Amino acid sequence: MSSLQDLTAKVVAFRDAREWKQFHNPKDCALSLVLEAGELLEIFQWKNGDEIDATAVARRQDVADELADIFNWLLLIAHDQGIDLAQALTDKIAVNDRKYPADKAKGTSRKYTEL
């Protein structure tokens, strides 16, 4: 398994070999991230109930490709902004743990302000 640093180095090297950094300002990278997330959503659009799970199975490679595209943009944005993505996630999990204590949030989809 590759580390986040290894994967980041790969996506940055891919980008740099093509001289695309000039196009990668924070707004356009964030826009690209959202567009890729939209492509993931499109796979499941108009599906309900069991169709959702069946589509996830039938289009597993498409889902994987879109997740990889999303991950690519996450790594590039974090790299360019000097953010340690692993630390940011660790910190956010701690914040969410305080907002959603297991004894109050277990089994409910209510927002933390409603717990």
N, C-alpha and C. Protein backbone atom coordinates (compact mmCIF):
# COMPACT_ATOMS: atom_id res chain seq x y z
N MET A 1 0.85 -1.18 0.00
CA MET A 1 0.00 0.00 0.00
C MET A 1 0.89 1.24 0.00
N SER A 2 0.53 2.20 -0.79
CA SER A 2 1.30 3.44 -0.87
C SER A 2 0.88 4.42 0.21
N SER A 3 1.82 5.20 0.68
CA SER A 3 1.51 6.22 1.66
C SER A 3 0.93 7.45 0.95
N LEU A 4 0.32 8.31 1.72
CA LEU A 4 -0.19 9.55 1.14
C LEU A 4 0.93 10.36 0.50
N GLN A 5 2.09 10.35 1.12
CA GLN A 5 3.22 11.08 0.56
C GLN A 5 3.64 10.50 -0.79
N ASP A 6 3.66 9.17 -0.89
CA ASP A 6 4.02 8.52 -2.16
C ASP A 6 3.00 8.85 -3.24
N LEU A 7 1.74 8.77 -2.89
CA LEU A 7 0.68 9.05 -3.86
C LEU A 7 0.70 10.52 -4.27
N THR A 8 0.93 11.40 -3.30
CA THR A 8 1.02 12.83 -3.62
C THR A 8 2.18 13.08 -4.57
N ALA A 9 3.31 12.46 -4.31
CA ALA A 9 4.47 12.62 -5.20
C ALA A 9 4.13 12.16 -6.62
N LYS A 10 3.38 11.09 -6.74
CA LYS A 10 3.00 10.59 -8.06
C LYS A 10 2.09 11.56 -8.81
N VAL A 11 1.08 12.09 -8.13
CA VAL A 11 0.16 13.00 -8.82
C VAL A 11 0.83 14.33 -9.14
N VAL A 12 1.72 14.79 -8.27
CA VAL A 12 2.46 16.02 -8.54
C VAL A 12 3.42 15.81 -9.71
N ALA A 13 4.10 14.67 -9.74
CA ALA A 13 5.02 14.38 -10.85
C ALA A 13 4.26 14.29 -12.17
N PHE A 14 3.09 13.66 -12.16
CA PHE A 14 2.25 13.57 -13.36
C PHE A 14 1.90 14.96 -13.85
N ARG A 15 1.44 15.80 -12.92
CA ARG A 15 1.07 17.17 -13.26
C ARG A 15 2.27 17.97 -13.77
N ASP A 16 3.38 17.87 -13.06
CA ASP A 16 4.55 18.67 -13.41
C ASP A 16 5.15 18.26 -14.75
N ALA A 17 5.07 16.98 -15.08
CA ALA A 17 5.59 16.51 -16.37
C ALA A 17 4.82 17.13 -17.54
N ARG A 18 3.61 17.55 -17.27
CA ARG A 18 2.75 18.15 -18.30
C ARG A 18 2.68 19.68 -18.20
N GLU A 19 3.39 20.22 -17.21
CA GLU A 19 3.39 21.67 -16.96
C GLU A 19 1.98 22.23 -16.75
N TRP A 20 1.19 21.51 -15.97
CA TRP A 20 -0.18 21.92 -15.68
C TRP A 20 -0.32 22.74 -14.41
N LYS A 21 0.74 22.87 -13.62
CA LYS A 21 0.65 23.63 -12.36
C LYS A 21 0.13 25.04 -12.62
N GLN A 22 0.47 25.61 -13.76
CA GLN A 22 0.04 26.96 -14.09
C GLN A 22 -1.49 27.11 -14.11
N PHE A 23 -2.19 26.02 -14.28
CA PHE A 23 -3.66 26.04 -14.34
C PHE A 23 -4.30 25.70 -13.00
N HIS A 24 -3.49 25.35 -12.02
CA HIS A 24 -4.00 24.78 -10.78
C HIS A 24 -4.06 25.78 -9.64
N ASN A 25 -4.86 26.83 -9.80
CA ASN A 25 -5.10 27.74 -8.68
C ASN A 25 -6.13 27.08 -7.75
N PRO A 26 -6.22 27.54 -6.50
CA PRO A 26 -7.13 26.89 -5.55
C PRO A 26 -8.58 26.80 -6.03
N LYS A 27 -9.08 27.85 -6.67
CA LYS A 27 -10.47 27.83 -7.13
C LYS A 27 -10.69 26.76 -8.19
N ASP A 28 -9.82 26.69 -9.18
CA ASP A 28 -10.01 25.72 -10.25
C ASP A 28 -9.78 24.28 -9.80
N CYS A 29 -8.88 24.10 -8.86
CA CYS A 29 -8.69 22.76 -8.30
C CYS A 29 -9.93 22.33 -7.51
N ALA A 30 -10.47 23.25 -6.70
CA ALA A 30 -11.68 22.94 -5.95
C ALA A 30 -12.85 22.67 -6.89
N LEU A 31 -12.94 23.44 -7.96
CA LEU A 31 -13.98 23.22 -8.96
C LEU A 31 -13.84 21.84 -9.59
N SER A 32 -12.62 21.46 -9.92
CA SER A 32 -12.38 20.14 -10.51
C SER A 32 -12.76 19.03 -9.54
N LEU A 33 -12.47 19.23 -8.26
CA LEU A 33 -12.85 18.26 -7.25
C LEU A 33 -14.36 18.07 -7.22
N VAL A 34 -15.09 19.18 -7.24
CA VAL A 34 -16.56 19.11 -7.21
C VAL A 34 -17.10 18.47 -8.49
N LEU A 35 -16.51 18.79 -9.62
CA LEU A 35 -16.95 18.19 -10.88
C LEU A 35 -16.77 16.68 -10.87
N GLU A 36 -15.65 16.23 -10.34
CA GLU A 36 -15.42 14.77 -10.25
C GLU A 36 -16.40 14.13 -9.28
N ALA A 37 -16.70 14.82 -8.17
CA ALA A 37 -17.69 14.29 -7.24
C ALA A 37 -19.06 14.21 -7.93
N GLY A 38 -19.35 15.18 -8.78
CA GLY A 38 -20.59 15.14 -9.55
C GLY A 38 -20.65 13.94 -10.48
N GLU A 39 -19.51 13.58 -11.06
CA GLU A 39 -19.47 12.41 -11.93
C GLU A 39 -19.73 11.13 -11.13
N LEU A 40 -19.25 11.10 -9.89
CA LEU A 40 -19.57 9.96 -9.02
C LEU A 40 -21.06 9.92 -8.74
N LEU A 41 -21.64 11.06 -8.43
CA LEU A 41 -23.08 11.12 -8.18
C LEU A 41 -23.89 10.69 -9.40
N GLU A 42 -23.41 11.06 -10.56
CA GLU A 42 -24.13 10.73 -11.79
C GLU A 42 -24.31 9.22 -11.97
N ILE A 43 -23.36 8.45 -11.49
CA ILE A 43 -23.47 6.98 -11.56
C ILE A 43 -24.73 6.50 -10.85
N PHE A 44 -25.09 7.16 -9.76
CA PHE A 44 -26.23 6.73 -8.95
C PHE A 44 -27.50 7.54 -9.19
N GLN A 45 -27.41 8.51 -10.08
CA GLN A 45 -28.57 9.37 -10.34
C GLN A 45 -29.77 8.54 -10.79
N TRP A 46 -30.92 8.89 -10.27
CA TRP A 46 -32.21 8.29 -10.60
C TRP A 46 -32.35 6.87 -10.08
N LYS A 47 -31.45 6.42 -9.25
CA LYS A 47 -31.54 5.08 -8.68
C LYS A 47 -32.16 5.19 -7.28
N ASN A 48 -32.90 4.17 -6.89
CA ASN A 48 -33.52 4.12 -5.57
C ASN A 48 -33.43 2.72 -5.01
N GLY A 49 -33.48 2.64 -3.70
CA GLY A 49 -33.53 1.35 -3.03
C GLY A 49 -32.44 0.39 -3.47
N ASP A 50 -32.86 -0.81 -3.84
CA ASP A 50 -31.92 -1.86 -4.23
C ASP A 50 -31.13 -1.51 -5.49
N GLU A 51 -31.68 -0.62 -6.32
CA GLU A 51 -30.96 -0.20 -7.54
C GLU A 51 -29.62 0.45 -7.20
N ILE A 52 -29.56 1.14 -6.09
CA ILE A 52 -28.33 1.82 -5.69
C ILE A 52 -27.23 0.79 -5.46
N ASP A 53 -27.54 -0.23 -4.66
CA ASP A 53 -26.55 -1.27 -4.38
C ASP A 53 -26.19 -2.05 -5.63
N ALA A 54 -27.18 -2.34 -6.46
CA ALA A 54 -26.92 -3.08 -7.70
C ALA A 54 -26.03 -2.27 -8.64
N THR A 55 -26.26 -0.98 -8.70
CA THR A 55 -25.43 -0.11 -9.55
C THR A 55 -24.01 -0.05 -9.01
N ALA A 56 -23.86 0.03 -7.70
CA ALA A 56 -22.52 0.07 -7.10
C ALA A 56 -21.73 -1.18 -7.47
N VAL A 57 -22.40 -2.31 -7.50
CA VAL A 57 -21.74 -3.57 -7.87
C VAL A 57 -21.46 -3.61 -9.37
N ALA A 58 -22.48 -3.31 -10.17
CA ALA A 58 -22.34 -3.39 -11.62
C ALA A 58 -21.34 -2.39 -12.18
N ARG A 59 -21.23 -1.25 -11.53
CA ARG A 59 -20.35 -0.19 -12.05
C ARG A 59 -19.19 0.08 -11.10
N ARG A 60 -18.73 -0.98 -10.47
CA ARG A 60 -17.66 -0.87 -9.48
C ARG A 60 -16.43 -0.17 -10.04
N GLN A 61 -16.02 -0.50 -11.26
CA GLN A 61 -14.84 0.13 -11.84
C GLN A 61 -15.07 1.61 -12.10
N ASP A 62 -16.27 1.97 -12.54
CA ASP A 62 -16.59 3.38 -12.74
C ASP A 62 -16.54 4.14 -11.42
N VAL A 63 -17.07 3.53 -10.37
CA VAL A 63 -17.03 4.15 -9.05
C VAL A 63 -15.58 4.31 -8.60
N ALA A 64 -14.77 3.28 -8.79
CA ALA A 64 -13.35 3.35 -8.42
C ALA A 64 -12.63 4.45 -9.19
N ASP A 65 -12.92 4.57 -10.49
CA ASP A 65 -12.28 5.61 -11.31
C ASP A 65 -12.65 7.00 -10.81
N GLU A 66 -13.91 7.21 -10.49
CA GLU A 66 -14.34 8.53 -10.02
C GLU A 66 -13.75 8.83 -8.65
N LEU A 67 -13.71 7.84 -7.77
CA LEU A 67 -13.08 8.04 -6.47
C LEU A 67 -11.61 8.38 -6.62
N ALA A 68 -10.94 7.73 -7.57
CA ALA A 68 -9.52 8.03 -7.82
C ALA A 68 -9.36 9.46 -8.32
N ASP A 69 -10.25 9.91 -9.20
CA ASP A 69 -10.20 11.30 -9.68
C ASP A 69 -10.39 12.28 -8.53
N ILE A 70 -11.34 11.99 -7.65
CA ILE A 70 -11.59 12.85 -6.49
C ILE A 70 -10.36 12.88 -5.58
N PHE A 71 -9.80 11.71 -5.33
CA PHE A 71 -8.62 11.59 -4.47
C PHE A 71 -7.44 12.35 -5.06
N ASN A 72 -7.29 12.27 -6.38
CA ASN A 72 -6.23 13.00 -7.08
C ASN A 72 -6.31 14.49 -6.76
N TRP A 73 -7.51 15.06 -6.88
CA TRP A 73 -7.68 16.49 -6.62
C TRP A 73 -7.47 16.81 -5.15
N LEU A 74 -7.92 15.93 -4.26
CA LEU A 74 -7.69 16.14 -2.83
C LEU A 74 -6.19 16.21 -2.52
N LEU A 75 -5.45 15.27 -3.09
CA LEU A 75 -4.00 15.25 -2.86
C LEU A 75 -3.33 16.50 -3.41
N LEU A 76 -3.72 16.91 -4.62
CA LEU A 76 -3.11 18.10 -5.21
C LEU A 76 -3.43 19.36 -4.42
N ILE A 77 -4.68 19.52 -4.03
CA ILE A 77 -5.07 20.70 -3.26
C ILE A 77 -4.31 20.73 -1.93
N ALA A 78 -4.28 19.61 -1.23
CA ALA A 78 -3.57 19.56 0.04
C ALA A 78 -2.08 19.88 -0.16
N HIS A 79 -1.48 19.31 -1.18
CA HIS A 79 -0.07 19.58 -1.47
C HIS A 79 0.16 21.06 -1.72
N ASP A 80 -0.63 21.62 -2.61
CA ASP A 80 -0.43 23.01 -3.00
C ASP A 80 -0.69 23.99 -1.86
N GLN A 81 -1.56 23.61 -0.93
CA GLN A 81 -1.88 24.49 0.20
C GLN A 81 -1.04 24.18 1.44
N GLY A 82 -0.15 23.21 1.32
CA GLY A 82 0.72 22.88 2.44
C GLY A 82 -0.03 22.25 3.60
N ILE A 83 -1.04 21.46 3.28
CA ILE A 83 -1.87 20.82 4.31
C ILE A 83 -1.50 19.35 4.40
N ASP A 84 -1.21 18.91 5.61
CA ASP A 84 -0.98 17.49 5.87
C ASP A 84 -2.36 16.85 5.97
N LEU A 85 -2.76 16.18 4.91
CA LEU A 85 -4.12 15.66 4.81
C LEU A 85 -4.41 14.62 5.89
N ALA A 86 -3.43 13.78 6.21
CA ALA A 86 -3.63 12.78 7.26
C ALA A 86 -3.86 13.46 8.61
N GLN A 87 -3.10 14.50 8.90
CA GLN A 87 -3.28 15.23 10.17
C GLN A 87 -4.61 15.98 10.17
N ALA A 88 -4.96 16.57 9.03
CA ALA A 88 -6.23 17.30 8.94
C ALA A 88 -7.40 16.36 9.22
N LEU A 89 -7.34 15.15 8.67
CA LEU A 89 -8.42 14.18 8.90
C LEU A 89 -8.43 13.73 10.36
N THR A 90 -7.27 13.48 10.91
CA THR A 90 -7.19 13.09 12.32
C THR A 90 -7.80 14.17 13.21
N ASP A 91 -7.46 15.42 12.94
CA ASP A 91 -8.01 16.55 13.71
C ASP A 91 -9.52 16.64 13.54
N LYS A 92 -10.00 16.45 12.33
CA LYS A 92 -11.44 16.55 12.06
C LYS A 92 -12.21 15.43 12.74
N ILE A 93 -11.64 14.23 12.77
CA ILE A 93 -12.29 13.11 13.48
C ILE A 93 -12.44 13.46 14.96
N ALA A 94 -11.42 14.09 15.55
CA ALA A 94 -11.50 14.49 16.96
C ALA A 94 -12.61 15.52 17.17
N VAL A 95 -12.71 16.48 16.25
CA VAL A 95 -13.78 17.49 16.33
C VAL A 95 -15.14 16.81 16.24
N ASN A 96 -15.30 15.91 15.27
CA ASN A 96 -16.58 15.21 15.09
C ASN A 96 -16.91 14.32 16.27
N ASP A 97 -15.88 13.75 16.90
CA ASP A 97 -16.11 12.92 18.08
C ASP A 97 -16.71 13.75 19.21
N ARG A 98 -16.26 14.99 19.33
CA ARG A 98 -16.83 15.88 20.36
C ARG A 98 -18.24 16.31 19.98
N LYS A 99 -18.47 16.57 18.70
CA LYS A 99 -19.78 17.03 18.24
C LYS A 99 -20.82 15.91 18.25
N TYR A 100 -20.36 14.70 17.98
CA TYR A 100 -21.25 13.55 17.86
C TYR A 100 -20.81 12.44 18.82
N PRO A 101 -20.97 12.62 20.12
CA PRO A 101 -20.58 11.56 21.04
C PRO A 101 -21.40 10.29 20.76
N ALA A 102 -20.73 9.16 20.79
CA ALA A 102 -21.37 7.90 20.42
C ALA A 102 -22.64 7.62 21.22
N ASP A 103 -22.62 7.97 22.50
CA ASP A 103 -23.80 7.67 23.32
C ASP A 103 -25.02 8.49 22.91
N LYS A 104 -24.82 9.63 22.23
CA LYS A 104 -25.95 10.45 21.79
C LYS A 104 -26.24 10.28 20.30
N ALA A 105 -25.24 10.00 19.52
CA ALA A 105 -25.39 9.97 18.06
C ALA A 105 -25.64 8.57 17.49
N LYS A 106 -25.45 7.56 18.29
CA LYS A 106 -25.57 6.18 17.80
C LYS A 106 -26.97 5.91 17.25
N GLY A 107 -26.99 5.48 15.99
CA GLY A 107 -28.25 5.08 15.36
C GLY A 107 -29.14 6.22 14.89
N THR A 108 -28.66 7.44 14.92
CA THR A 108 -29.48 8.57 14.47
C THR A 108 -28.73 9.39 13.44
N SER A 109 -29.46 10.01 12.55
CA SER A 109 -28.85 10.87 11.53
C SER A 109 -29.02 12.35 11.87
N ARG A 110 -29.47 12.62 13.08
CA ARG A 110 -29.68 14.01 13.48
C ARG A 110 -28.36 14.77 13.54
N LYS A 111 -28.44 16.06 13.23
CA LYS A 111 -27.28 16.93 13.31
C LYS A 111 -26.89 17.14 14.76
N TYR A 112 -25.61 17.43 15.00
CA TYR A 112 -25.11 17.57 16.36
C TYR A 112 -25.88 18.60 17.18
N THR A 113 -26.42 19.62 16.52
CA THR A 113 -27.18 20.64 17.24
C THR A 113 -28.53 20.11 17.74
N GLU A 114 -28.93 18.95 17.24
CA GLU A 114 -30.21 18.36 17.64
C GLU A 114 -30.06 17.19 18.62
N LEU A 115 -28.83 16.86 18.96
CA LEU A 115 -28.61 15.71 19.85
C LEU A 115 -28.85 16.08 21.32
